[in-house]
């Protein structure tokens, strides 16, 4: 994944399982309400649009940068 920073609350290890569940869900935009370092969004984004949200300002910067790279 693009951002490999470990911190309390990271979903990096859970991201593949969450992406599998999302792949089985109804089509449409996915809201990643606690996006953090965008671990889930990175895996889901190739198949659907992802909206990221987090209380931390750094998370918005990470999401913005990943969007510009992709």
C-alpha atoms as a PDB file:
ATOM      1  CA  UNK A   1       0.000   0.000   0.000  1.00  0.00           C
ATOM      2  CA  UNK A   2       1.059   3.554  -0.622  1.00  0.00           C
ATOM      3  CA  UNK A   3       1.372   4.821   2.952  1.00  0.00           C
ATOM      4  CA  UNK A   4       2.988   2.429   5.397  1.00  0.00           C
ATOM      5  CA  UNK A   5       2.869   4.318   8.695  1.00  0.00           C
ATOM      6  CA  UNK A   6       2.004   2.439  11.847  1.00  0.00           C
ATOM      7  CA  UNK A   7      -0.007   4.189  14.545  1.00  0.00           C
ATOM      8  CA  UNK A   8      -2.671   3.319  17.085  1.00  0.00           C
ATOM      9  CA  UNK A   9      -5.904   2.764  15.211  1.00  0.00           C
ATOM     10  CA  UNK A  10      -4.472   1.819  11.830  1.00  0.00           C
ATOM     11  CA  UNK A  11      -6.670  -0.473   9.744  1.00  0.00           C
ATOM     12  CA  UNK A  12      -3.849  -1.715   7.521  1.00  0.00           C
ATOM     13  CA  UNK A  13      -4.212  -5.342   8.634  1.00  0.00           C
ATOM     14  CA  UNK A  14      -8.025  -5.201   8.473  1.00  0.00           C
ATOM     15  CA  UNK A  15      -8.137  -3.469   5.086  1.00  0.00           C
ATOM     16  CA  UNK A  16      -8.230  -6.628   2.923  1.00  0.00           C
ATOM     17  CA  UNK A  17     -11.167  -8.065   4.904  1.00  0.00           C
ATOM     18  CA  UNK A  18     -13.052  -4.764   4.755  1.00  0.00           C
ATOM     19  CA  UNK A  19     -12.373  -4.469   1.004  1.00  0.00           C
ATOM     20  CA  UNK A  20     -13.802  -7.984   0.502  1.00  0.00           C
ATOM     21  CA  UNK A  21     -17.013  -6.988   2.313  1.00  0.00           C
ATOM     22  CA  UNK A  22     -17.279  -3.768   0.306  1.00  0.00           C
ATOM     23  CA  UNK A  23     -16.818  -5.728  -2.940  1.00  0.00           C
ATOM     24  CA  UNK A  24     -19.955  -7.710  -2.074  1.00  0.00           C
ATOM     25  CA  UNK A  25     -21.974  -4.594  -1.207  1.00  0.00           C
ATOM     26  CA  UNK A  26     -24.318  -2.660  -3.446  1.00  0.00           C
ATOM     27  CA  UNK A  27     -22.547  -0.572  -6.104  1.00  0.00           C
ATOM     28  CA  UNK A  28     -21.873   3.082  -5.445  1.00  0.00           C
ATOM     29  CA  UNK A  29     -19.677   5.449  -3.519  1.00  0.00           C
ATOM     30  CA  UNK A  30     -17.999   4.146  -0.357  1.00  0.00           C
ATOM     31  CA  UNK A  31     -17.629   6.547   2.567  1.00  0.00           C
ATOM     32  CA  UNK A  32     -14.555   5.763   4.637  1.00  0.00           C
ATOM     33  CA  UNK A  33     -15.721   7.644   7.729  1.00  0.00           C
ATOM     34  CA  UNK A  34     -12.536   7.103   9.749  1.00  0.00           C
ATOM     35  CA  UNK A  35     -10.079   6.965   6.864  1.00  0.00           C
ATOM     36  CA  UNK A  36      -6.841   7.590   8.723  1.00  0.00           C
ATOM     37  CA  UNK A  37      -4.006   6.669   6.353  1.00  0.00           C
ATOM     38  CA  UNK A  38      -6.472   5.433   3.689  1.00  0.00           C
ATOM     39  CA  UNK A  39      -5.621   1.728   3.977  1.00  0.00           C
ATOM     40  CA  UNK A  40      -9.174   0.640   3.168  1.00  0.00           C
ATOM     41  CA  UNK A  41      -9.738   3.315   0.529  1.00  0.00           C
ATOM     42  CA  UNK A  42      -6.591   2.338  -1.355  1.00  0.00           C
ATOM     43  CA  UNK A  43      -7.842  -1.218  -1.763  1.00  0.00           C
ATOM     44  CA  UNK A  44     -11.401  -0.238  -2.664  1.00  0.00           C
ATOM     45  CA  UNK A  45     -10.623   2.697  -4.994  1.00  0.00           C
ATOM     46  CA  UNK A  46      -9.816   0.677  -8.104  1.00  0.00           C
ATOM     47  CA  UNK A  47     -13.404  -0.634  -8.133  1.00  0.00           C
ATOM     48  CA  UNK A  48     -15.433   2.302  -6.815  1.00  0.00           C
ATOM     49  CA  UNK A  49     -15.273   5.941  -5.827  1.00  0.00           C
ATOM     50  CA  UNK A  50     -14.177   6.494  -2.216  1.00  0.00           C
ATOM     51  CA  UNK A  51     -14.964   9.515  -0.073  1.00  0.00           C
ATOM     52  CA  UNK A  52     -12.603   9.920   2.868  1.00  0.00           C
ATOM     53  CA  UNK A  53     -13.329  11.600   6.175  1.00  0.00           C
ATOM     54  CA  UNK A  54     -11.389  11.765   9.427  1.00  0.00           C
ATOM     55  CA  UNK A  55     -11.110  14.129  12.387  1.00  0.00           C
ATOM     56  CA  UNK A  56      -7.344  14.410  11.870  1.00  0.00           C
ATOM     57  CA  UNK A  57      -6.105  17.013   9.379  1.00  0.00           C
ATOM     58  CA  UNK A  58      -3.173  14.823   8.300  1.00  0.00           C
ATOM     59  CA  UNK A  59      -5.656  12.231   7.063  1.00  0.00           C
ATOM     60  CA  UNK A  60      -7.157  14.699   4.610  1.00  0.00           C
ATOM     61  CA  UNK A  61      -3.683  15.452   3.285  1.00  0.00           C
ATOM     62  CA  UNK A  62      -2.922  11.762   2.790  1.00  0.00           C
ATOM     63  CA  UNK A  63      -6.244  11.193   0.997  1.00  0.00           C
ATOM     64  CA  UNK A  64      -5.686  14.238  -1.224  1.00  0.00           C
ATOM     65  CA  UNK A  65      -2.160  13.114  -2.126  1.00  0.00           C
ATOM     66  CA  UNK A  66      -3.259   9.565  -2.937  1.00  0.00           C
ATOM     67  CA  UNK A  67      -6.034  10.923  -5.158  1.00  0.00           C
ATOM     68  CA  UNK A  68      -3.535  13.070  -7.058  1.00  0.00           C
ATOM     69  CA  UNK A  69      -1.163  10.117  -7.504  1.00  0.00           C
ATOM     70  CA  UNK A  70      -3.883   7.762  -8.721  1.00  0.00           C
END
